[in-house]
Each structure stands twice: as structure tokens, then as C-alpha cells.
Amino acid sequence: MKQVFAVSAFALSVIHIGAVAEPLKIGAIFPLSGANAQFGANARNGMELALEDINAHRPAGDKVEIVYADVPAPNGAAAAVQRLVSQNQVVGIVGSFVSSITLAASEATERLGVPMITHSFADQITGRGYKYIFQVAPKASTFGEKQFSYAVDLAKQAGTRIEKIAIFYEDTAYGTAQADGIRKAAARAGVEVVIDDAYPLGITDVAPLINKLRRSKAQLVFPVSYFNDGILIIRTMKQQKVDLPIVGGAAGYIIPDFQKALGPYAEDVFSIAPANYDNVPELAARYKSKYGAFMAHESIMYGAALQHMVAAADKARSHDPAKIRDAIAGLKYCEGLATGIPGGCTAFDANGLTSTAYPIFVQWRGSDLVSVFPKATAKQAPRWQGKEIK
């Protein structure tokens, strides 16, 4: 039976008395340049907010340091991991948001015996039998399943029976895995998938997809995209008066720049999400004061990942990556940014997948995202085609 450790702030202060005095270095691999740089910046901001709280409660000489590596594409991931471990002596890695980069990075962390905690969704991440990789969010197929079932449930509450849907997805590990979850959920529910189209990441012309959608008689559309592709799909739909409920696949649909780019076109767009800032209002207020925007989901998830890794190192009383890995696996951490994740904690099953977190639905209201489903986590009532569901 797996042993579970619950760590309190008091316990951490006691542990620190005997901790190693040299800094605890954590590596952070993110796309800080290129097309996905905004996700990397948001994740970094969340980690820096978490780091403030971590170091505020540690004695002098026992601080935590984050060493960042800019990795905008998978082909640079392994070298970045090697460099962080051999040159910077990091004891663990956090990153990288983009599933394909995380898959490449985790090949290296597994080989080197260094723990890695990610918020990337792809099923393969914890589906390979690796010992050193952990996911704080549910896997992509679970997001796809809930993306479908939550939408159908809300449509039913609004008096609409869903019989036909459309799926657009970018052809990366994240897009294909999440689309597969939607597809399988629709099959189980007897709902026809009238469009099931992959497209290349960074597509520049979505007009053929939207024209196909217009002719399809779909009642719902599920675009699984990163930021730029999602913006292009939604804008083209709205400009061509294709008025269907839209259920985004997290990623680019739930960051502040989505609404900035689309303005009124963003209103009432749904998305599946691993977390939302309205569940931790005090931390969200601190974040907004510091960074001038709401706290995106990746800020919450990666800040929580950092806190989990540091708490595990403290529990292990060691800078040995193997011992920290074992402590990560056995720790249930329910403080700080972890309280902003549905389920309220970070913890992992035997495969390294979260054992506590679950997806939620968020919906755009002006420049804010609000949690609307399931009811237990909702902060406001959902709206379907402009009408509030009581």
C-alpha cells in the first residue's frame, strides 16, 4: 500500500531546521520564446508567486532557486534537461506545458533518474511505465470525455438534445489524445460525429474547415487547439455567422489573451479546464496585482507543481533526486496553489497520474473566466446560447 504524507506549514518549518543549507535548485523547462511563449510566461509567473511563499517560510541559507530553460520545440528538450542536471545541479524538473516537449524532456529525466512534474495533458506521458514523471492534471482523453459529457449535460438542461457534433483538433500529442476522448465519449452516447478533422499546428487558413462546419448540421463544435489556431477558428466562425455553442479544449481558450484577441467574439465560449482562478480569490488577487492579468490555469498548475516538489524534498530531507522522486509519489499536498485545483490537492497514483484532480467547465464573461460546471465547483450559472441555465 502506498504511504501518503500530509505536510503542514508547521511540519515544514521543523524539517527545515535539519535541512541541507545549500540552495535547492529546481529546473523549469518552458517555451519562453516562439508561438507558445505566453503559456511559458504564465507558468513562470505562477511559479514565481509560489516561490515567494516557499522562501518566505524557510530559514536563511536554505532557499529554493528556479533555473529556467527556454525550450520552444521538442528537439531542444533533452539537451536542456541534460544541461540543467549536469551544469546547474537541479534535483527535479517542472514543465513544459506543451505535451510534445514534455514527452521529449521526460525521456531524458527518466534516463537520468530525475523527477519531473508536468501539467501537460497527453495520455502517453504517464502511459509509458516511467517512474520519474508525474502529471498534476488529468490526462487528455479524460479532458476530452468530460468536454463532451459536460456539454451534452448542459445542453440537456437547456432543453436541447445533442445528436450531431463536430471535432477540430491540431495534430500534436495533446490534440489527438483529447480529440480521441471526445470521439469515444460520443460513440458511447450514440451521438454522431459529423466532422472529425485534424489540422496542422499553426494553420493559416481555416475557411475550408468552417465552410464544412456550416454544411454539417452539427449542434456543437469542439475545437482542440493552442492559442493562435483557436483564435483563428473562433474569429472565422463568428465572422461567417456560424452560431454554434463552442467548447474549447483548454490551452489557448483559457488565458487572458484569448479575450484580448477576440473581444466580444469570446463571450460565452466554453472551455474545459484543469483549474480556474476564481477558486482561490486571495491568491488570484495577489497575482493580478503583481502581473496585471488574471491567473491562468498554467500559473496555478505549475505553481502547485513547484510547491509539491519542494515539499517532497523537505519530506525526504535530501537533495537526492531518487529520494525526492519517492517522496513526490507518496505525498498528498493540500496547501497553497494546490487548493486552486479541483480536488484541492496534488497527489499521484502508481503511474504518476493525478489521483485527485478533475476537469471543470469555464465560460467567458467579459474579460473574466468563470467556473460554471460541475455545480459543486461553479461560481456562476452557465449560459447556453445566451440564456442562463438555472
Protein backbone atom coordinates (compact mmCIF):
# COMPACT_ATOMS: atom_id res chain seq x y z
CA MET A 1 0.00 0.00 0.00
CA LYS A 2 1.36 3.43 -0.91
CA GLN A 3 2.25 5.59 2.08
CA VAL A 4 0.74 9.08 1.95
CA PHE A 5 2.35 12.02 3.70
CA ALA A 6 0.37 15.12 4.68
CA VAL A 7 2.68 18.10 5.16
CA SER A 8 1.68 21.17 7.16
CA ALA A 9 3.39 24.55 7.27
CA PHE A 10 4.47 23.77 10.87
CA ALA A 11 5.94 20.44 9.83
CA LEU A 12 7.90 22.11 7.05
CA SER A 13 9.36 24.63 9.48
CA VAL A 14 10.54 21.77 11.71
CA ILE A 15 12.00 19.88 8.74
CA HIS A 16 13.94 22.95 7.62
CA ILE A 17 15.90 23.02 10.88
CA GLY A 18 17.84 19.98 9.74
CA ALA A 19 17.74 20.67 6.00
CA VAL A 20 20.79 21.00 3.80
CA ALA A 21 21.93 24.63 3.82
CA GLU A 22 22.78 24.89 0.12
CA PRO A 23 20.01 26.12 -2.20
CA LEU A 24 17.52 23.59 -3.51
CA LYS A 25 17.58 24.04 -7.27
CA ILE A 26 14.57 23.13 -9.40
CA GLY A 27 14.77 23.19 -13.19
CA ALA A 28 11.96 24.71 -15.24
CA ILE A 29 11.59 23.87 -18.94
CA PHE A 30 9.12 26.06 -20.84
CA PRO A 31 8.60 27.69 -24.24
CA LEU A 32 9.66 31.22 -23.26
CA SER A 33 10.00 32.22 -26.91
CA GLY A 34 8.13 31.25 -30.06
CA ALA A 35 4.44 30.62 -30.67
CA ASN A 36 3.72 29.25 -27.19
CA ALA A 37 5.75 31.81 -25.24
CA GLN A 38 2.68 33.22 -23.47
CA PHE A 39 1.99 29.85 -21.85
CA GLY A 40 5.59 29.70 -20.69
CA ALA A 41 5.41 33.22 -19.28
CA ASN A 42 2.19 32.45 -17.42
CA ALA A 43 3.66 29.26 -15.96
CA ARG A 44 6.80 31.13 -14.89
CA ASN A 45 4.69 33.81 -13.19
CA GLY A 46 2.76 31.19 -11.23
CA MET A 47 5.98 29.51 -10.14
CA GLU A 48 7.48 32.84 -9.06
CA LEU A 49 4.37 33.58 -6.98
CA ALA A 50 4.68 30.16 -5.37
CA LEU A 51 8.40 30.71 -4.82
CA GLU A 52 7.70 33.88 -2.83
CA ASP A 53 5.63 31.86 -0.37
CA ILE A 54 8.07 28.97 -0.29
CA ASN A 55 11.10 31.11 0.52
CA ALA A 56 9.22 33.34 2.95
CA HIS A 57 8.88 30.36 5.31
CA ARG A 58 12.42 28.98 5.01
CA PRO A 59 15.43 29.90 7.16
CA ALA A 60 18.28 31.95 5.70
CA GLY A 61 20.67 29.82 3.69
CA ASP A 62 18.01 27.23 2.85
CA LYS A 63 16.33 28.88 -0.10
CA VAL A 64 14.81 27.41 -3.25
CA GLU A 65 16.04 28.56 -6.66
CA ILE A 66 14.41 28.03 -10.05
CA VAL A 67 16.70 27.60 -13.05
CA TYR A 68 14.84 28.27 -16.31
CA ALA A 69 15.50 26.84 -19.75
CA ASP A 70 13.75 28.20 -22.84
CA VAL A 71 12.61 25.19 -24.89
CA PRO A 72 10.22 26.26 -27.67
CA ALA A 73 10.32 22.91 -29.54
CA PRO A 74 10.71 19.20 -28.68
CA ASN A 75 14.11 18.85 -30.35
CA GLY A 76 15.76 21.01 -27.69
CA ALA A 77 14.22 19.32 -24.67
CA ALA A 78 16.68 16.51 -23.97
CA ALA A 79 19.72 18.78 -24.19
CA ALA A 80 18.07 21.29 -21.86
CA VAL A 81 17.39 18.59 -19.27
CA GLN A 82 20.98 17.32 -19.51
CA ARG A 83 22.33 20.85 -19.06
CA LEU A 84 20.12 21.63 -16.07
CA VAL A 85 21.12 18.41 -14.33
CA SER A 86 24.85 18.35 -15.10
CA GLN A 87 25.69 22.06 -15.06
CA ASN A 88 23.09 23.54 -12.72
CA GLN A 89 22.69 20.56 -10.38
CA VAL A 90 18.90 20.73 -10.29
CA VAL A 91 17.21 17.98 -8.27
CA GLY A 92 13.99 17.94 -10.30
CA ILE A 93 12.30 19.45 -13.35
CA VAL A 94 8.96 21.23 -13.72
CA GLY A 95 7.48 21.81 -17.20
CA SER A 96 6.74 22.17 -20.02
CA PHE A 97 3.03 22.84 -20.84
CA VAL A 98 3.38 21.67 -24.47
CA SER A 99 2.84 17.89 -24.43
CA SER A 100 5.26 17.10 -27.25
CA ILE A 101 8.05 18.96 -25.42
CA THR A 102 7.17 17.22 -22.15
CA LEU A 103 7.31 13.82 -23.85
CA ALA A 104 10.80 14.57 -25.16
CA ALA A 105 12.02 16.05 -21.87
CA SER A 106 10.71 13.13 -19.82
CA GLU A 107 12.71 10.69 -21.94
CA ALA A 108 15.81 12.45 -20.60
CA THR A 109 14.62 12.81 -16.99
CA GLU A 110 13.80 9.10 -16.89
CA ARG A 111 17.22 8.17 -18.25
CA LEU A 112 18.96 10.46 -15.73
CA GLY A 113 16.78 9.43 -12.77
CA VAL A 114 15.48 12.94 -12.08
CA PRO A 115 11.81 13.56 -11.16
CA MET A 116 9.66 15.73 -13.41
CA ILE A 117 6.22 17.17 -12.65
CA THR A 118 4.11 18.41 -15.55
CA HIS A 119 0.70 19.83 -16.27
CA SER A 120 0.81 18.63 -19.91
CA PHE A 121 -2.20 16.50 -20.83
CA ALA A 122 -1.11 13.83 -23.33
CA ASP A 123 -2.03 10.30 -22.27
CA GLN A 124 1.38 8.93 -23.26
CA ILE A 125 3.16 11.00 -20.61
CA THR A 126 2.22 8.66 -17.76
CA GLY A 127 1.23 5.77 -20.04
CA ARG A 128 4.77 4.54 -20.76
CA GLY A 129 5.52 2.93 -17.40
CA TYR A 130 8.06 5.58 -16.47
CA LYS A 131 9.00 6.01 -12.81
CA TYR A 132 10.11 9.64 -12.70
CA ILE A 133 7.28 11.55 -14.44
CA PHE A 134 4.15 12.92 -12.72
CA GLN A 135 1.06 14.73 -14.09
CA VAL A 136 -0.80 17.20 -11.84
CA ALA A 137 -3.71 17.37 -14.32
CA PRO A 138 -5.90 14.56 -15.66
CA LYS A 139 -4.84 13.05 -18.98
CA ALA A 140 -6.07 14.38 -22.31
CA SER A 141 -8.55 11.59 -23.02
CA THR A 142 -10.24 12.37 -19.68
CA PHE A 143 -10.44 16.04 -20.65
CA GLY A 144 -11.96 15.01 -23.98
CA GLU A 145 -14.50 12.74 -22.31
CA LYS A 146 -15.57 15.45 -19.85
CA GLN A 147 -15.50 18.11 -22.55
CA PHE A 148 -18.19 16.09 -24.32
CA SER A 149 -20.25 14.89 -21.35
CA TYR A 150 -20.38 18.28 -19.60
CA ALA A 151 -21.52 19.98 -22.82
CA VAL A 152 -24.22 17.41 -23.52
CA ASP A 153 -25.43 17.64 -19.92
CA LEU A 154 -25.69 21.45 -20.10
CA ALA A 155 -27.46 21.29 -23.47
CA LYS A 156 -29.97 18.87 -21.97
CA GLN A 157 -30.56 21.22 -19.04
CA ALA A 158 -31.18 23.99 -21.59
CA GLY A 159 -33.74 21.82 -23.41
CA THR A 160 -31.56 20.70 -26.34
CA ARG A 161 -30.81 17.12 -27.26
CA ILE A 162 -27.40 16.81 -28.89
CA GLU A 163 -27.34 14.36 -31.81
CA LYS A 164 -24.51 15.68 -34.02
CA ILE A 165 -21.15 17.22 -33.13
CA ALA A 166 -18.01 18.43 -34.90
CA ILE A 167 -14.41 18.00 -33.74
CA PHE A 168 -11.46 20.06 -34.98
CA TYR A 169 -8.08 19.25 -33.47
CA GLU A 170 -4.46 20.11 -34.08
CA ASP A 171 -2.33 17.11 -34.92
CA THR A 172 0.02 17.09 -31.91
CA ALA A 173 0.05 14.69 -28.95
CA TYR A 174 -2.30 16.96 -26.99
CA GLY A 175 -4.81 17.49 -29.81
CA THR A 176 -5.02 13.89 -30.96
CA ALA A 177 -5.37 12.43 -27.44
CA GLN A 178 -8.04 14.89 -26.36
CA ALA A 179 -10.00 14.51 -29.59
CA ASP A 180 -9.92 10.76 -29.08
CA GLY A 181 -11.57 11.23 -25.69
CA ILE A 182 -14.36 13.30 -27.27
CA ARG A 183 -14.79 10.79 -30.08
CA LYS A 184 -15.08 7.79 -27.77
CA ALA A 185 -17.48 9.58 -25.40
CA ALA A 186 -19.71 10.49 -28.35
CA ALA A 187 -19.72 6.88 -29.55
CA ARG A 188 -20.78 5.64 -26.11
CA ALA A 189 -23.58 8.22 -26.04
CA GLY A 190 -24.78 7.38 -29.57
CA VAL A 191 -24.01 10.89 -30.83
CA GLU A 192 -22.87 11.22 -34.45
CA VAL A 193 -19.52 12.92 -35.11
CA VAL A 194 -20.24 14.63 -38.43
CA ILE A 195 -16.79 16.25 -38.66
CA ASP A 196 -13.65 14.68 -37.23
CA ASP A 197 -10.80 16.68 -38.76
CA ALA A 198 -7.18 17.10 -37.76
CA TYR A 199 -5.25 20.12 -38.97
CA PRO A 200 -1.55 21.08 -38.77
CA LEU A 201 -0.40 23.12 -35.79
CA GLY A 202 -0.02 26.73 -36.96
CA ILE A 203 -2.70 26.52 -39.65
CA THR A 204 -3.14 29.82 -41.52
CA ASP A 205 -6.41 29.26 -43.38
CA VAL A 206 -9.36 27.69 -41.54
CA ALA A 207 -12.02 28.80 -44.03
CA PRO A 208 -12.38 25.27 -45.51
CA LEU A 209 -12.96 23.88 -42.01
CA ILE A 210 -15.59 26.50 -41.19
CA ASN A 211 -17.34 26.08 -44.54
CA LYS A 212 -17.53 22.35 -43.85
CA LEU A 213 -18.89 23.07 -40.38
CA ARG A 214 -21.61 25.30 -41.82
CA ARG A 215 -22.86 22.46 -44.04
CA SER A 216 -22.57 19.72 -41.43
CA LYS A 217 -25.70 20.31 -39.29
CA ALA A 218 -23.53 19.93 -36.17
CA GLN A 219 -25.15 21.26 -32.98
CA LEU A 220 -21.86 21.66 -31.08
CA VAL A 221 -18.26 22.22 -32.10
CA PHE A 222 -15.21 21.07 -30.14
CA PRO A 223 -12.01 22.82 -31.26
CA VAL A 224 -8.93 21.38 -29.53
CA SER A 225 -6.24 23.99 -30.20
CA TYR A 226 -3.41 26.05 -28.83
CA PHE A 227 -3.74 29.83 -28.81
CA ASN A 228 -3.20 31.05 -32.38
CA ASP A 229 -5.22 28.27 -34.01
CA GLY A 230 -8.07 28.68 -31.54
CA ILE A 231 -8.27 32.42 -32.17
CA LEU A 232 -8.37 31.89 -35.93
CA ILE A 233 -11.10 29.23 -35.71
CA ILE A 234 -13.37 31.26 -33.41
CA ARG A 235 -12.90 34.54 -35.28
CA THR A 236 -13.66 32.88 -38.62
CA MET A 237 -16.76 31.18 -37.23
CA LYS A 238 -18.10 34.43 -35.81
CA GLN A 239 -17.31 36.45 -38.92
CA GLN A 240 -19.07 33.88 -41.08
CA LYS A 241 -22.11 33.85 -38.74
CA VAL A 242 -21.69 30.19 -37.80
CA ASP A 243 -23.53 30.43 -34.49
CA LEU A 244 -22.94 27.19 -32.59
CA PRO A 245 -22.03 26.59 -28.96
CA ILE A 246 -18.24 26.35 -28.80
CA VAL A 247 -16.43 24.14 -26.29
CA GLY A 248 -12.70 24.77 -26.33
CA GLY A 249 -10.04 22.28 -25.30
CA ALA A 250 -8.29 24.33 -22.57
CA ALA A 251 -4.81 25.56 -23.71
CA GLY A 252 -5.36 28.78 -25.68
CA TYR A 253 -9.03 29.13 -24.76
CA ILE A 254 -8.46 29.95 -21.11
CA ILE A 255 -5.75 32.59 -20.98
CA PRO A 256 -6.27 36.40 -20.78
CA ASP A 257 -5.00 36.95 -24.32
CA PHE A 258 -7.91 34.90 -25.72
CA GLN A 259 -10.42 37.60 -24.80
CA LYS A 260 -8.00 40.38 -25.69
CA ALA A 261 -7.65 38.94 -29.18
CA LEU A 262 -11.33 38.18 -29.77
CA GLY A 263 -13.16 40.86 -27.78
CA PRO A 264 -16.94 40.27 -27.91
CA TYR A 265 -16.42 37.12 -30.00
CA ALA A 266 -15.11 35.42 -26.85
CA GLU A 267 -18.31 35.96 -24.88
CA ASP A 268 -19.95 32.73 -23.63
CA VAL A 269 -17.32 30.47 -25.21
CA PHE A 270 -16.97 27.38 -23.01
CA SER A 271 -13.78 25.51 -22.33
CA ILE A 272 -12.76 22.51 -20.36
CA ALA A 273 -10.11 23.49 -17.79
CA PRO A 274 -7.88 21.88 -15.16
CA ALA A 275 -8.34 24.81 -12.74
CA ASN A 276 -9.58 28.39 -12.54
CA TYR A 277 -8.50 31.41 -10.56
CA ASP A 278 -11.95 32.13 -9.09
CA ASN A 279 -11.43 29.15 -6.77
CA VAL A 280 -8.51 30.91 -5.00
CA PRO A 281 -9.55 34.58 -4.87
CA GLU A 282 -6.83 35.77 -2.47
CA LEU A 283 -4.01 34.22 -4.47
CA ALA A 284 -5.64 35.41 -7.69
CA ALA A 285 -5.76 38.98 -6.36
CA ARG A 286 -2.05 38.84 -5.48
CA TYR A 287 -1.24 37.51 -8.93
CA LYS A 288 -3.28 40.18 -10.72
CA SER A 289 -1.70 42.94 -8.63
CA LYS A 290 1.76 41.63 -9.49
CA TYR A 291 1.30 40.75 -13.17
CA GLY A 292 -1.67 42.83 -14.33
CA ALA A 293 -3.82 39.95 -15.60
CA PHE A 294 -5.85 37.11 -14.17
CA MET A 295 -4.04 33.98 -13.04
CA ALA A 296 -4.20 31.50 -15.92
CA HIS A 297 -4.65 27.78 -15.35
CA GLU A 298 -0.99 27.03 -16.13
CA SER A 299 0.05 29.56 -13.49
CA ILE A 300 -1.97 27.64 -10.90
CA MET A 301 -0.87 24.19 -12.05
CA TYR A 302 2.85 24.88 -12.30
CA GLY A 303 2.93 26.89 -9.09
CA ALA A 304 1.31 23.90 -7.39
CA ALA A 305 3.77 21.53 -9.08
CA LEU A 306 6.70 23.53 -7.71
CA GLN A 307 5.22 23.56 -4.20
CA HIS A 308 4.68 19.79 -4.35
CA MET A 309 8.26 19.13 -5.43
CA VAL A 310 9.74 21.38 -2.74
CA ALA A 311 7.53 19.84 -0.04
CA ALA A 312 8.65 16.39 -1.22
CA ALA A 313 12.33 17.38 -1.00
CA ASP A 314 11.71 18.65 2.53
CA LYS A 315 9.92 15.46 3.46
CA ALA A 316 12.81 13.41 2.08
CA ARG A 317 15.31 15.65 3.94
CA SER A 318 17.51 15.23 0.90
CA HIS A 319 18.72 16.70 -2.37
CA ASP A 320 18.96 13.20 -3.85
CA PRO A 321 16.64 13.07 -6.93
CA ALA A 322 15.75 9.41 -6.30
CA LYS A 323 14.65 10.12 -2.73
CA ILE A 324 12.75 13.21 -3.85
CA ARG A 325 11.02 11.11 -6.51
CA ASP A 326 9.82 8.64 -3.86
CA ALA A 327 8.58 11.48 -1.67
CA ILE A 328 6.71 13.06 -4.60
CA ALA A 329 4.96 9.74 -5.22
CA GLY A 330 3.88 9.39 -1.59
CA LEU A 331 2.93 12.99 -0.83
CA LYS A 332 -0.56 14.44 -0.76
CA TYR A 333 -0.13 18.22 -0.65
CA CYS A 334 -3.20 20.34 0.06
CA GLU A 335 -1.88 23.85 0.63
CA GLY A 336 -1.11 26.94 -1.43
CA LEU A 337 -1.89 26.80 -5.13
CA ALA A 338 -2.91 23.14 -4.87
CA THR A 339 -6.13 24.38 -3.26
CA GLY A 340 -6.99 26.03 -6.59
CA ILE A 341 -7.04 22.70 -8.42
CA PRO A 342 -10.39 20.85 -8.43
CA GLY A 343 -9.98 18.24 -5.72
CA GLY A 344 -7.96 20.68 -3.60
CA CYS A 345 -4.66 18.73 -3.54
CA THR A 346 -1.78 17.41 -5.59
CA ALA A 347 -1.30 13.63 -5.30
CA PHE A 348 -0.43 10.81 -7.69
CA ASP A 349 -1.38 7.23 -8.42
CA ALA A 350 1.04 4.37 -9.09
CA ASN A 351 1.54 5.52 -12.70
CA GLY A 352 2.30 9.13 -11.75
CA LEU A 353 -1.10 10.44 -12.88
CA THR A 354 -3.08 12.73 -10.58
CA SER A 355 -5.29 10.82 -8.16
CA THR A 356 -7.30 13.86 -7.00
CA ALA A 357 -7.81 16.38 -9.82
CA TYR A 358 -10.73 16.51 -12.26
CA PRO A 359 -11.71 18.83 -15.15
CA ILE A 360 -14.16 21.71 -14.86
CA PHE A 361 -16.05 23.90 -17.32
CA VAL A 362 -15.31 27.61 -17.52
CA GLN A 363 -17.07 30.23 -19.62
CA TRP A 364 -16.09 33.72 -20.74
CA ARG A 365 -17.87 36.71 -19.16
CA GLY A 366 -16.38 39.93 -20.46
CA SER A 367 -12.68 39.88 -19.59
CA ASP A 368 -13.08 37.18 -16.96
CA LEU A 369 -13.37 33.41 -16.93
CA VAL A 370 -15.89 31.94 -14.52
CA SER A 371 -16.28 28.38 -13.30
CA VAL A 372 -19.74 27.16 -14.32
CA PHE A 373 -19.77 23.34 -14.09
CA PRO A 374 -19.99 20.91 -12.32
CA LYS A 375 -22.28 22.57 -9.81
CA ALA A 376 -20.03 21.74 -6.85
CA THR A 377 -17.27 23.93 -8.27
CA ALA A 378 -19.40 26.55 -10.08
CA LYS A 379 -19.13 30.21 -9.13
CA GLN A 380 -21.82 31.37 -11.58
CA ALA A 381 -24.62 29.72 -13.54
CA PRO A 382 -23.72 28.60 -17.08
CA ARG A 383 -25.27 30.23 -20.16
CA TRP A 384 -26.35 28.25 -23.22
CA GLN A 385 -26.90 30.25 -26.41
CA GLY A 386 -27.17 33.40 -24.32
CA LYS A 387 -29.70 32.02 -21.81
CA GLU A 388 -28.78 31.28 -18.22
CA ILE A 389 -29.32 27.71 -17.02
CA LYS A 390 -30.87 27.83 -13.56
